Amino acid sequence: MPPAKKDIKWAINRAIKEFGRLDVIYNNAGLGGTVGPLEKKVEGDFDESAIDGDSLRDSGQMLVFSRS
């Protein structure tokens, strides 16, 4: 089961609180999916891939937006 958005946001906020900042987030990806910048991805872009791309998109976007 993929993590809920609230769980991803909690983990990012916890890391920032614990370490002062979060410079890198590593998402181990699989095969397939659409090509392009992560911040431009929308729900469903990874439906044809062999990964849970929505979780990758959500966690990456949350990290990017937490730094702005």
PDB file of N, CA and C in Angstrom:
ATOM      1  N   MET A   1       0.850  -1.177   0.000  1.00  0.00           N
ATOM      2  CA  MET A   1       0.000   0.000   0.000  1.00  0.00           C
ATOM      3  C   MET A   1       0.897   1.243   0.000  1.00  0.00           C
ATOM      4  N   PRO A   2       0.668   2.169  -0.910  1.00  0.00           N
ATOM      5  CA  PRO A   2       1.490   3.382  -0.957  1.00  0.00           C
ATOM      6  C   PRO A   2       1.245   4.265   0.264  1.00  0.00           C
ATOM      7  N   PRO A   3       2.241   5.040   0.629  1.00  0.00           N
ATOM      8  CA  PRO A   3       2.061   5.927   1.788  1.00  0.00           C
ATOM      9  C   PRO A   3       1.058   7.030   1.478  1.00  0.00           C
ATOM     10  N   ALA A   4       0.331   7.439   2.501  1.00  0.00           N
ATOM     11  CA  ALA A   4      -0.608   8.548   2.349  1.00  0.00           C
ATOM     12  C   ALA A   4       0.173   9.853   2.275  1.00  0.00           C
ATOM     13  N   LYS A   5      -0.404  10.848   1.582  1.00  0.00           N
ATOM     14  CA  LYS A   5       0.268  12.141   1.450  1.00  0.00           C
ATOM     15  C   LYS A   5       0.608  12.723   2.814  1.00  0.00           C
ATOM     16  N   LYS A   6      -0.276  12.541   3.788  1.00  0.00           N
ATOM     17  CA  LYS A   6      -0.017  13.096   5.119  1.00  0.00           C
ATOM     18  C   LYS A   6       1.205  12.431   5.759  1.00  0.00           C
ATOM     19  N   ASP A   7       1.430  11.143   5.467  1.00  0.00           N
ATOM     20  CA  ASP A   7       2.590  10.445   6.010  1.00  0.00           C
ATOM     21  C   ASP A   7       3.884  10.923   5.360  1.00  0.00           C
ATOM     22  N   ILE A   8       3.834  11.177   4.064  1.00  0.00           N
ATOM     23  CA  ILE A   8       5.010  11.695   3.367  1.00  0.00           C
ATOM     24  C   ILE A   8       5.357  13.078   3.912  1.00  0.00           C
ATOM     25  N   LYS A   9       4.336  13.927   4.036  1.00  0.00           N
ATOM     26  CA  LYS A   9       4.556  15.281   4.543  1.00  0.00           C
ATOM     27  C   LYS A   9       5.107  15.233   5.967  1.00  0.00           C
ATOM     28  N   TRP A  10       4.577  14.331   6.787  1.00  0.00           N
ATOM     29  CA  TRP A  10       5.071  14.190   8.156  1.00  0.00           C
ATOM     30  C   TRP A  10       6.548  13.814   8.163  1.00  0.00           C
ATOM     31  N   ALA A  11       6.945  12.856   7.313  1.00  0.00           N
ATOM     32  CA  ALA A  11       8.337  12.405   7.276  1.00  0.00           C
ATOM     33  C   ALA A  11       9.276  13.528   6.834  1.00  0.00           C
ATOM     34  N   ILE A  12       8.870  14.296   5.840  1.00  0.00           N
ATOM     35  CA  ILE A  12       9.695  15.422   5.390  1.00  0.00           C
ATOM     36  C   ILE A  12       9.813  16.471   6.483  1.00  0.00           C
ATOM     37  N   ASN A  13       8.712  16.832   7.097  1.00  0.00           N
ATOM     38  CA  ASN A  13       8.743  17.826   8.184  1.00  0.00           C
ATOM     39  C   ASN A  13       9.554  17.344   9.374  1.00  0.00           C
ATOM     40  N   ARG A  14       9.462  16.055   9.678  1.00  0.00           N
ATOM     41  CA  ARG A  14      10.238  15.480  10.790  1.00  0.00           C
ATOM     42  C   ARG A  14      11.735  15.575  10.511  1.00  0.00           C
ATOM     43  N   ALA A  15      12.141  15.249   9.282  1.00  0.00           N
ATOM     44  CA  ALA A  15      13.554  15.333   8.923  1.00  0.00           C
ATOM     45  C   ALA A  15      14.053  16.771   9.005  1.00  0.00           C
ATOM     46  N   ILE A  16      13.253  17.710   8.530  1.00  0.00           N
ATOM     47  CA  ILE A  16      13.649  19.123   8.594  1.00  0.00           C
ATOM     48  C   ILE A  16      13.753  19.578  10.042  1.00  0.00           C
ATOM     49  N   LYS A  17      12.801  19.172  10.872  1.00  0.00           N
ATOM     50  CA  LYS A  17      12.840  19.540  12.293  1.00  0.00           C
ATOM     51  C   LYS A  17      14.070  18.933  12.972  1.00  0.00           C
ATOM     52  N   GLU A  18      14.361  17.689  12.669  1.00  0.00           N
ATOM     53  CA  GLU A  18      15.465  16.971  13.311  1.00  0.00           C
ATOM     54  C   GLU A  18      16.837  17.479  12.853  1.00  0.00           C
ATOM     55  N   PHE A  19      16.985  17.747  11.555  1.00  0.00           N
ATOM     56  CA  PHE A  19      18.292  18.069  10.996  1.00  0.00           C
ATOM     57  C   PHE A  19      18.443  19.506  10.513  1.00  0.00           C
ATOM     58  N   GLY A  20      17.361  20.282  10.585  1.00  0.00           N
ATOM     59  CA  GLY A  20      17.442  21.680  10.187  1.00  0.00           C
ATOM     60  C   GLY A  20      17.129  21.929   8.722  1.00  0.00           C
ATOM     61  N   ARG A  21      17.333  20.937   7.894  1.00  0.00           N
ATOM     62  CA  ARG A  21      17.014  21.047   6.469  1.00  0.00           C
ATOM     63  C   ARG A  21      17.064  19.656   5.853  1.00  0.00           C
ATOM     64  N   LEU A  22      16.518  19.562   4.654  1.00  0.00           N
ATOM     65  CA  LEU A  22      16.542  18.308   3.916  1.00  0.00           C
ATOM     66  C   LEU A  22      17.003  18.646   2.513  1.00  0.00           C
ATOM     67  N   ASP A  23      18.202  18.229   2.171  1.00  0.00           N
ATOM     68  CA  ASP A  23      18.800  18.586   0.883  1.00  0.00           C
ATOM     69  C   ASP A  23      18.461  17.607  -0.226  1.00  0.00           C
ATOM     70  N   VAL A  24      18.255  16.352   0.132  1.00  0.00           N
ATOM     71  CA  VAL A  24      18.082  15.318  -0.875  1.00  0.00           C
ATOM     72  C   VAL A  24      16.974  14.371  -0.434  1.00  0.00           C
ATOM     73  N   ILE A  25      16.184  13.926  -1.395  1.00  0.00           N
ATOM     74  CA  ILE A  25      15.240  12.845  -1.140  1.00  0.00           C
ATOM     75  C   ILE A  25      15.479  11.816  -2.236  1.00  0.00           C
ATOM     76  N   TYR A  26      15.614  10.582  -1.857  1.00  0.00           N
ATOM     77  CA  TYR A  26      15.929   9.519  -2.814  1.00  0.00           C
ATOM     78  C   TYR A  26      14.703   8.644  -3.005  1.00  0.00           C
ATOM     79  N   ASN A  27      14.254   8.549  -4.207  1.00  0.00           N
ATOM     80  CA  ASN A  27      13.137   7.679  -4.551  1.00  0.00           C
ATOM     81  C   ASN A  27      13.648   6.592  -5.471  1.00  0.00           C
ATOM     82  N   ASN A  28      13.566   5.370  -5.033  1.00  0.00           N
ATOM     83  CA  ASN A  28      13.993   4.248  -5.842  1.00  0.00           C
ATOM     84  C   ASN A  28      12.885   3.930  -6.846  1.00  0.00           C
ATOM     85  N   ALA A  29      13.127   4.200  -8.107  1.00  0.00           N
ATOM     86  CA  ALA A  29      12.086   4.080  -9.128  1.00  0.00           C
ATOM     87  C   ALA A  29      12.250   2.806  -9.947  1.00  0.00           C
ATOM     88  N   GLY A  30      11.222   2.466 -10.687  1.00  0.00           N
ATOM     89  CA  GLY A  30      11.225   1.280 -11.547  1.00  0.00           C
ATOM     90  C   GLY A  30      11.227   1.671 -13.005  1.00  0.00           C
ATOM     91  N   LEU A  31      10.444   0.999 -13.801  1.00  0.00           N
ATOM     92  CA  LEU A  31      10.427   1.192 -15.250  1.00  0.00           C
ATOM     93  C   LEU A  31       9.127   1.838 -15.705  1.00  0.00           C
ATOM     94  N   GLY A  32       9.206   2.583 -16.789  1.00  0.00           N
ATOM     95  CA  GLY A  32       8.010   3.131 -17.402  1.00  0.00           C
ATOM     96  C   GLY A  32       7.638   4.502 -16.883  1.00  0.00           C
ATOM     97  N   GLY A  33       6.469   4.945 -17.243  1.00  0.00           N
ATOM     98  CA  GLY A  33       5.992   6.246 -16.800  1.00  0.00           C
ATOM     99  C   GLY A  33       6.274   7.331 -17.817  1.00  0.00           C
ATOM    100  N   THR A  34       5.863   8.515 -17.501  1.00  0.00           N
ATOM    101  CA  THR A  34       6.049   9.654 -18.383  1.00  0.00           C
ATOM    102  C   THR A  34       7.378  10.337 -18.107  1.00  0.00           C
ATOM    103  N   VAL A  35       7.841  11.110 -19.067  1.00  0.00           N
ATOM    104  CA  VAL A  35       9.113  11.811 -18.947  1.00  0.00           C
ATOM    105  C   VAL A  35       8.839  13.293 -18.794  1.00  0.00           C
ATOM    106  N   GLY A  36       9.593  13.954 -17.923  1.00  0.00           N
ATOM    107  CA  GLY A  36       9.451  15.389 -17.742  1.00  0.00           C
ATOM    108  C   GLY A  36       9.720  15.781 -16.303  1.00  0.00           C
ATOM    109  N   PRO A  37       9.718  17.075 -16.032  1.00  0.00           N
ATOM    110  CA  PRO A  37      10.009  17.567 -14.682  1.00  0.00           C
ATOM    111  C   PRO A  37       8.974  17.075 -13.666  1.00  0.00           C
ATOM    112  N   LEU A  38       9.451  16.665 -12.501  1.00  0.00           N
ATOM    113  CA  LEU A  38       8.577  16.142 -11.460  1.00  0.00           C
ATOM    114  C   LEU A  38       7.507  17.142 -11.039  1.00  0.00           C
ATOM    115  N   GLU A  39       7.868  18.419 -10.986  1.00  0.00           N
ATOM    116  CA  GLU A  39       6.901  19.423 -10.521  1.00  0.00           C
ATOM    117  C   GLU A  39       5.733  19.604 -11.494  1.00  0.00           C
ATOM    118  N   LYS A  40       5.869  19.084 -12.703  1.00  0.00           N
ATOM    119  CA  LYS A  40       4.797  19.185 -13.701  1.00  0.00           C
ATOM    120  C   LYS A  40       3.901  17.939 -13.737  1.00  0.00           C
ATOM    121  N   LYS A  41       4.245  16.921 -12.958  1.00  0.00           N
ATOM    122  CA  LYS A  41       3.484  15.679 -12.964  1.00  0.00           C
ATOM    123  C   LYS A  41       2.144  15.863 -12.261  1.00  0.00           C
ATOM    124  N   VAL A  42       1.163  15.127 -12.732  1.00  0.00           N
ATOM    125  CA  VAL A  42      -0.166  15.140 -12.125  1.00  0.00           C
ATOM    126  C   VAL A  42      -0.559  13.707 -11.785  1.00  0.00           C
ATOM    127  N   GLU A  43      -1.566  13.575 -10.935  1.00  0.00           N
ATOM    128  CA  GLU A  43      -2.025  12.260 -10.538  1.00  0.00           C
ATOM    129  C   GLU A  43      -2.401  11.441 -11.766  1.00  0.00           C
ATOM    130  N   GLY A  44      -1.924  10.210 -11.804  1.00  0.00           N
ATOM    131  CA  GLY A  44      -2.229   9.322 -12.914  1.00  0.00           C
ATOM    132  C   GLY A  44      -1.138   9.229 -13.969  1.00  0.00           C
ATOM    133  N   ASP A  45      -0.144  10.132 -13.939  1.00  0.00           N
ATOM    134  CA  ASP A  45       0.920  10.094 -14.944  1.00  0.00           C
ATOM    135  C   ASP A  45       1.705   8.784 -14.920  1.00  0.00           C
ATOM    136  N   PHE A  46       1.730   8.117 -13.796  1.00  0.00           N
ATOM    137  CA  PHE A  46       2.528   6.898 -13.669  1.00  0.00           C
ATOM    138  C   PHE A  46       1.679   5.631 -13.675  1.00  0.00           C
ATOM    139  N   ASP A  47       0.423   5.737 -14.060  1.00  0.00           N
ATOM    140  CA  ASP A  47      -0.466   4.578 -14.016  1.00  0.00           C
ATOM    141  C   ASP A  47       0.015   3.415 -14.882  1.00  0.00           C
ATOM    142  N   GLU A  48       0.723   3.694 -15.953  1.00  0.00           N
ATOM    143  CA  GLU A  48       1.189   2.643 -16.862  1.00  0.00           C
ATOM    144  C   GLU A  48       2.592   2.146 -16.508  1.00  0.00           C
ATOM    145  N   SER A  49       3.145   2.580 -15.390  1.00  0.00           N
ATOM    146  CA  SER A  49       4.508   2.183 -15.029  1.00  0.00           C
ATOM    147  C   SER A  49       4.488   1.053 -14.008  1.00  0.00           C
ATOM    148  N   ALA A  50       5.655   0.505 -13.762  1.00  0.00           N
ATOM    149  CA  ALA A  50       5.802  -0.599 -12.818  1.00  0.00           C
ATOM    150  C   ALA A  50       6.159  -0.097 -11.423  1.00  0.00           C
ATOM    151  N   ILE A  51       5.834   1.155 -11.123  1.00  0.00           N
ATOM    152  CA  ILE A  51       6.149   1.742  -9.821  1.00  0.00           C
ATOM    153  C   ILE A  51       4.935   2.513  -9.319  1.00  0.00           C
ATOM    154  N   ASP A  52       4.976   2.881  -8.060  1.00  0.00           N
ATOM    155  CA  ASP A  52       3.948   3.769  -7.526  1.00  0.00           C
ATOM    156  C   ASP A  52       4.450   5.192  -7.740  1.00  0.00           C
ATOM    157  N   GLY A  53       4.305   5.666  -8.952  1.00  0.00           N
ATOM    158  CA  GLY A  53       4.821   6.981  -9.325  1.00  0.00           C
ATOM    159  C   GLY A  53       4.129   8.124  -8.629  1.00  0.00           C
ATOM    160  N   ASP A  54       2.867   7.938  -8.258  1.00  0.00           N
ATOM    161  CA  ASP A  54       2.180   9.024  -7.559  1.00  0.00           C
ATOM    162  C   ASP A  54       2.874   9.344  -6.237  1.00  0.00           C
ATOM    163  N   SER A  55       3.350   8.312  -5.528  1.00  0.00           N
ATOM    164  CA  SER A  55       4.078   8.554  -4.283  1.00  0.00           C
ATOM    165  C   SER A  55       5.408   9.250  -4.544  1.00  0.00           C
ATOM    166  N   LEU A  56       6.069   8.880  -5.648  1.00  0.00           N
ATOM    167  CA  LEU A  56       7.315   9.556  -6.009  1.00  0.00           C
ATOM    168  C   LEU A  56       7.051  11.029  -6.290  1.00  0.00           C
ATOM    169  N   ARG A  57       5.997  11.300  -7.065  1.00  0.00           N
ATOM    170  CA  ARG A  57       5.646  12.678  -7.389  1.00  0.00           C
ATOM    171  C   ARG A  57       5.286  13.454  -6.122  1.00  0.00           C
ATOM    172  N   ASP A  58       4.445  12.864  -5.281  1.00  0.00           N
ATOM    173  CA  ASP A  58       3.998  13.557  -4.073  1.00  0.00           C
ATOM    174  C   ASP A  58       5.168  13.905  -3.159  1.00  0.00           C
ATOM    175  N   SER A  59       6.065  12.946  -2.905  1.00  0.00           N
ATOM    176  CA  SER A  59       7.176  13.211  -1.995  1.00  0.00           C
ATOM    177  C   SER A  59       8.151  14.216  -2.593  1.00  0.00           C
ATOM    178  N   GLY A  60       8.426  14.114  -3.876  1.00  0.00           N
ATOM    179  CA  GLY A  60       9.318  15.081  -4.515  1.00  0.00           C
ATOM    180  C   GLY A  60       8.751  16.488  -4.516  1.00  0.00           C
ATOM    181  N   GLN A  61       7.477  16.600  -4.832  1.00  0.00           N
ATOM    182  CA  GLN A  61       6.851  17.929  -4.831  1.00  0.00           C
ATOM    183  C   GLN A  61       6.799  18.509  -3.431  1.00  0.00           C
ATOM    184  N   MET A  62       6.496  17.684  -2.428  1.00  0.00           N
ATOM    185  CA  MET A  62       6.444  18.187  -1.058  1.00  0.00           C
ATOM    186  C   MET A  62       7.802  18.696  -0.606  1.00  0.00           C
ATOM    187  N   LEU A  63       8.868  18.010  -1.010  1.00  0.00           N
ATOM    188  CA  LEU A  63      10.210  18.485  -0.655  1.00  0.00           C
ATOM    189  C   LEU A  63      10.502  19.798  -1.338  1.00  0.00           C
ATOM    190  N   VAL A  64      10.226  19.892  -2.636  1.00  0.00           N
ATOM    191  CA  VAL A  64      10.477  21.125  -3.385  1.00  0.00           C
ATOM    192  C   VAL A  64       9.700  22.289  -2.772  1.00  0.00           C
ATOM    193  N   PHE A  65       8.424  22.066  -2.513  1.00  0.00           N
ATOM    194  CA  PHE A  65       7.581  23.160  -2.002  1.00  0.00           C
ATOM    195  C   PHE A  65       7.897  23.484  -0.539  1.00  0.00           C
ATOM    196  N   SER A  66       8.472  22.552   0.223  1.00  0.00           N
ATOM    197  CA  SER A  66       8.837  22.843   1.607  1.00  0.00           C
ATOM    198  C   SER A  66      10.059  23.760   1.668  1.00  0.00           C
ATOM    199  N   ARG A  67      10.805  23.846   0.569  1.00  0.00           N
ATOM    200  CA  ARG A  67      12.014  24.672   0.531  1.00  0.00           C
ATOM    201  C   ARG A  67      11.741  26.065  -0.005  1.00  0.00           C
ATOM    202  N   SER A  68      10.527  26.344  -0.460  1.00  0.00           N
ATOM    203  CA  SER A  68      10.241  27.659  -1.047  1.00  0.00           C
ATOM    204  C   SER A  68       9.577  28.578  -0.044  1.00  0.00           C
TER     205      SER A  68
END
